[in-house]
C-alpha atoms as a PDB file:
ATOM      1  CA  UNK A   1       2.537  -5.628  12.394  1.00  0.00           C
ATOM      2  CA  UNK A   2       1.889  -3.026   9.728  1.00  0.00           C
ATOM      3  CA  UNK A   3       1.669  -5.741   7.050  1.00  0.00           C
ATOM      4  CA  UNK A   4      -0.747  -7.797   9.134  1.00  0.00           C
ATOM      5  CA  UNK A   5      -3.088  -4.813   9.513  1.00  0.00           C
ATOM      6  CA  UNK A   6      -2.937  -4.130   5.777  1.00  0.00           C
ATOM      7  CA  UNK A   7      -3.716  -7.777   4.995  1.00  0.00           C
ATOM      8  CA  UNK A   8      -6.689  -7.703   7.371  1.00  0.00           C
ATOM      9  CA  UNK A   9      -7.984  -4.537   5.727  1.00  0.00           C
ATOM     10  CA  UNK A  10      -7.458  -6.044   2.265  1.00  0.00           C
ATOM     11  CA  UNK A  11      -9.524  -9.074   3.289  1.00  0.00           C
ATOM     12  CA  UNK A  12     -12.295  -6.798   4.596  1.00  0.00           C
ATOM     13  CA  UNK A  13     -12.222  -4.730   1.397  1.00  0.00           C
ATOM     14  CA  UNK A  14     -12.480  -7.932  -0.674  1.00  0.00           C
ATOM     15  CA  UNK A  15     -15.443  -9.076   1.441  1.00  0.00           C
ATOM     16  CA  UNK A  16     -17.193  -5.770   0.731  1.00  0.00           C
ATOM     17  CA  UNK A  17     -16.607  -6.179  -3.008  1.00  0.00           C
ATOM     18  CA  UNK A  18     -18.106  -9.687  -2.868  1.00  0.00           C
ATOM     19  CA  UNK A  19     -21.093  -8.418  -0.865  1.00  0.00           C
ATOM     20  CA  UNK A  20     -21.641  -5.609  -3.381  1.00  0.00           C
ATOM     21  CA  UNK A  21     -21.648  -8.148  -6.202  1.00  0.00           C
ATOM     22  CA  UNK A  22     -24.633  -9.912  -4.622  1.00  0.00           C
ATOM     23  CA  UNK A  23     -26.469  -6.723  -3.668  1.00  0.00           C
ATOM     24  CA  UNK A  24     -29.707  -6.293  -5.658  1.00  0.00           C
ATOM     25  CA  UNK A  25     -28.781  -2.765  -6.762  1.00  0.00           C
ATOM     26  CA  UNK A  26     -28.080  -2.026 -10.396  1.00  0.00           C
ATOM     27  CA  UNK A  27     -25.553   0.753 -10.864  1.00  0.00           C
ATOM     28  CA  UNK A  28     -23.390   1.541 -13.889  1.00  0.00           C
ATOM     29  CA  UNK A  29     -19.780   0.409 -13.636  1.00  0.00           C
ATOM     30  CA  UNK A  30     -18.454   3.986 -13.668  1.00  0.00           C
ATOM     31  CA  UNK A  31     -20.488   4.890 -10.570  1.00  0.00           C
ATOM     32  CA  UNK A  32     -18.616   2.441  -8.313  1.00  0.00           C
ATOM     33  CA  UNK A  33     -15.343   4.395  -8.163  1.00  0.00           C
ATOM     34  CA  UNK A  34     -17.326   7.584  -7.556  1.00  0.00           C
ATOM     35  CA  UNK A  35     -19.280   5.948  -4.720  1.00  0.00           C
ATOM     36  CA  UNK A  36     -16.074   4.700  -3.092  1.00  0.00           C
ATOM     37  CA  UNK A  37     -14.619   8.219  -3.105  1.00  0.00           C
ATOM     38  CA  UNK A  38     -17.723   9.973  -1.716  1.00  0.00           C
ATOM     39  CA  UNK A  39     -16.783   9.529   1.971  1.00  0.00           C
ATOM     40  CA  UNK A  40     -13.732  11.716   1.320  1.00  0.00           C
ATOM     41  CA  UNK A  41     -16.085  14.680   0.942  1.00  0.00           C
ATOM     42  CA  UNK A  42     -16.095  14.620   4.741  1.00  0.00           C
ATOM     43  CA  UNK A  43     -12.698  16.343   4.532  1.00  0.00           C
ATOM     44  CA  UNK A  44     -14.609  19.503   3.656  1.00  0.00           C
ATOM     45  CA  UNK A  45     -15.203  19.757   7.400  1.00  0.00           C
ATOM     46  CA  UNK A  46     -11.613  20.983   7.664  1.00  0.00           C
ATOM     47  CA  UNK A  47     -12.806  24.226   6.049  1.00  0.00           C
ATOM     48  CA  UNK A  48     -14.553  24.933   9.369  1.00  0.00           C
ATOM     49  CA  UNK A  49     -11.361  24.230  11.324  1.00  0.00           C
ATOM     50  CA  UNK A  50      -9.293  21.282  12.492  1.00  0.00           C
ATOM     51  CA  UNK A  51     -11.695  20.113  15.195  1.00  0.00           C
ATOM     52  CA  UNK A  52     -14.732  20.142  12.886  1.00  0.00           C
ATOM     53  CA  UNK A  53     -12.715  18.457  10.156  1.00  0.00           C
ATOM     54  CA  UNK A  54     -11.510  15.730  12.490  1.00  0.00           C
ATOM     55  CA  UNK A  55     -15.033  15.003  13.732  1.00  0.00           C
ATOM     56  CA  UNK A  56     -16.466  15.029  10.211  1.00  0.00           C
ATOM     57  CA  UNK A  57     -13.704  12.850   8.773  1.00  0.00           C
ATOM     58  CA  UNK A  58     -13.765  10.355  11.643  1.00  0.00           C
ATOM     59  CA  UNK A  59     -17.552  10.029  11.556  1.00  0.00           C
ATOM     60  CA  UNK A  60     -17.603   8.974   7.902  1.00  0.00           C
ATOM     61  CA  UNK A  61     -14.505   6.770   8.245  1.00  0.00           C
ATOM     62  CA  UNK A  62     -15.410   4.945  11.459  1.00  0.00           C
ATOM     63  CA  UNK A  63     -16.240   1.313  10.869  1.00  0.00           C
ATOM     64  CA  UNK A  64     -18.800   1.181  13.680  1.00  0.00           C
ATOM     65  CA  UNK A  65     -20.837   3.841  11.858  1.00  0.00           C
ATOM     66  CA  UNK A  66     -20.547   1.794   8.661  1.00  0.00           C
ATOM     67  CA  UNK A  67     -21.650  -1.360  10.487  1.00  0.00           C
ATOM     68  CA  UNK A  68     -24.629   0.499  11.960  1.00  0.00           C
ATOM     69  CA  UNK A  69     -25.692   1.623   8.468  1.00  0.00           C
ATOM     70  CA  UNK A  70     -25.198  -1.919   7.134  1.00  0.00           C
ATOM     71  CA  UNK A  71     -27.315  -3.252  10.004  1.00  0.00           C
ATOM     72  CA  UNK A  72     -30.032  -0.698   9.341  1.00  0.00           C
ATOM     73  CA  UNK A  73     -30.067  -1.601   5.646  1.00  0.00           C
ATOM     74  CA  UNK A  74     -30.213  -5.294   6.474  1.00  0.00           C
ATOM     75  CA  UNK A  75     -32.964  -4.828   9.087  1.00  0.00           C
ATOM     76  CA  UNK A  76     -35.136  -2.639   6.860  1.00  0.00           C
ATOM     77  CA  UNK A  77     -34.355  -4.609   3.674  1.00  0.00           C
ATOM     78  CA  UNK A  78     -33.576  -1.356   1.874  1.00  0.00           C
ATOM     79  CA  UNK A  79     -30.742  -2.159  -0.542  1.00  0.00           C
ATOM     80  CA  UNK A  80     -29.592   1.449  -0.961  1.00  0.00           C
ATOM     81  CA  UNK A  81     -29.033   1.845   2.781  1.00  0.00           C
ATOM     82  CA  UNK A  82     -27.120  -1.432   2.766  1.00  0.00           C
ATOM     83  CA  UNK A  83     -25.147  -0.154  -0.233  1.00  0.00           C
ATOM     84  CA  UNK A  84     -24.288   3.036   1.671  1.00  0.00           C
ATOM     85  CA  UNK A  85     -22.996   1.082   4.645  1.00  0.00           C
ATOM     86  CA  UNK A  86     -20.941  -1.235   2.469  1.00  0.00           C
ATOM     87  CA  UNK A  87     -19.420   1.727   0.636  1.00  0.00           C
ATOM     88  CA  UNK A  88     -18.516   3.388   3.957  1.00  0.00           C
ATOM     89  CA  UNK A  89     -16.972   0.177   5.250  1.00  0.00           C
ATOM     90  CA  UNK A  90     -15.112  -0.569   2.031  1.00  0.00           C
ATOM     91  CA  UNK A  91     -13.803   2.978   1.778  1.00  0.00           C
ATOM     92  CA  UNK A  92     -12.540   2.851   5.357  1.00  0.00           C
ATOM     93  CA  UNK A  93     -10.726  -0.410   4.652  1.00  0.00           C
ATOM     94  CA  UNK A  94      -9.275   1.017   1.455  1.00  0.00           C
ATOM     95  CA  UNK A  95      -7.988   4.051   3.368  1.00  0.00           C
ATOM     96  CA  UNK A  96      -6.408   1.882   6.047  1.00  0.00           C
ATOM     97  CA  UNK A  97      -4.657  -0.218   3.398  1.00  0.00           C
ATOM     98  CA  UNK A  98      -3.010   3.020   2.262  1.00  0.00           C
ATOM     99  CA  UNK A  99      -2.128   4.019   5.823  1.00  0.00           C
ATOM    100  CA  UNK A 100      -4.872   6.572   6.450  1.00  0.00           C
ATOM    101  CA  UNK A 101      -6.517   6.087   9.797  1.00  0.00           C
ATOM    102  CA  UNK A 102      -8.863   7.987  12.062  1.00  0.00           C
ATOM    103  CA  UNK A 103      -7.535  11.474  12.737  1.00  0.00           C
ATOM    104  CA  UNK A 104      -6.425  13.101  15.980  1.00  0.00           C
ATOM    105  CA  UNK A 105      -7.248  16.718  16.733  1.00  0.00           C
ATOM    106  CA  UNK A 106      -3.639  17.888  16.474  1.00  0.00           C
ATOM    107  CA  UNK A 107      -3.389  17.439  12.709  1.00  0.00           C
ATOM    108  CA  UNK A 108      -4.566  15.591   9.628  1.00  0.00           C
ATOM    109  CA  UNK A 109      -1.378  13.541   9.384  1.00  0.00           C
ATOM    110  CA  UNK A 110      -1.618  12.171  12.949  1.00  0.00           C
ATOM    111  CA  UNK A 111      -3.808   9.054  12.800  1.00  0.00           C
ATOM    112  CA  UNK A 112      -4.552   6.045  14.965  1.00  0.00           C
ATOM    113  CA  UNK A 113      -2.267   4.079  12.617  1.00  0.00           C
ATOM    114  CA  UNK A 114       0.626   6.503  13.117  1.00  0.00           C
ATOM    115  CA  UNK A 115       1.853   9.490  11.155  1.00  0.00           C
ATOM    116  CA  UNK A 116       1.065   9.735   7.443  1.00  0.00           C
ATOM    117  CA  UNK A 117       4.118  10.146   5.260  1.00  0.00           C
END
């Protein structure tokens, strides 16, 4: 089952890359890796404690939030909002490919995909 989930996430990540290719936003090539790592800044919430860190991390890694931002960007025809949603969605898929899921309150390593490591 683990391989099936990773293949699904890989397909979603590939779809995001294709969508980004057609997005009418012109960004330098070096900015793309930076953009895809930005959602990990949400881990700074752990500086305020495990509960705050879990909420912060899960908010920026939840695909429903990403889909809402994508929908808002699509509805308003604002490409940078659409870009933000696609980056959130792609980053979440990339994390799940590597085994990082949404966190539980009892620790960073306990995720909805199982234990990390």
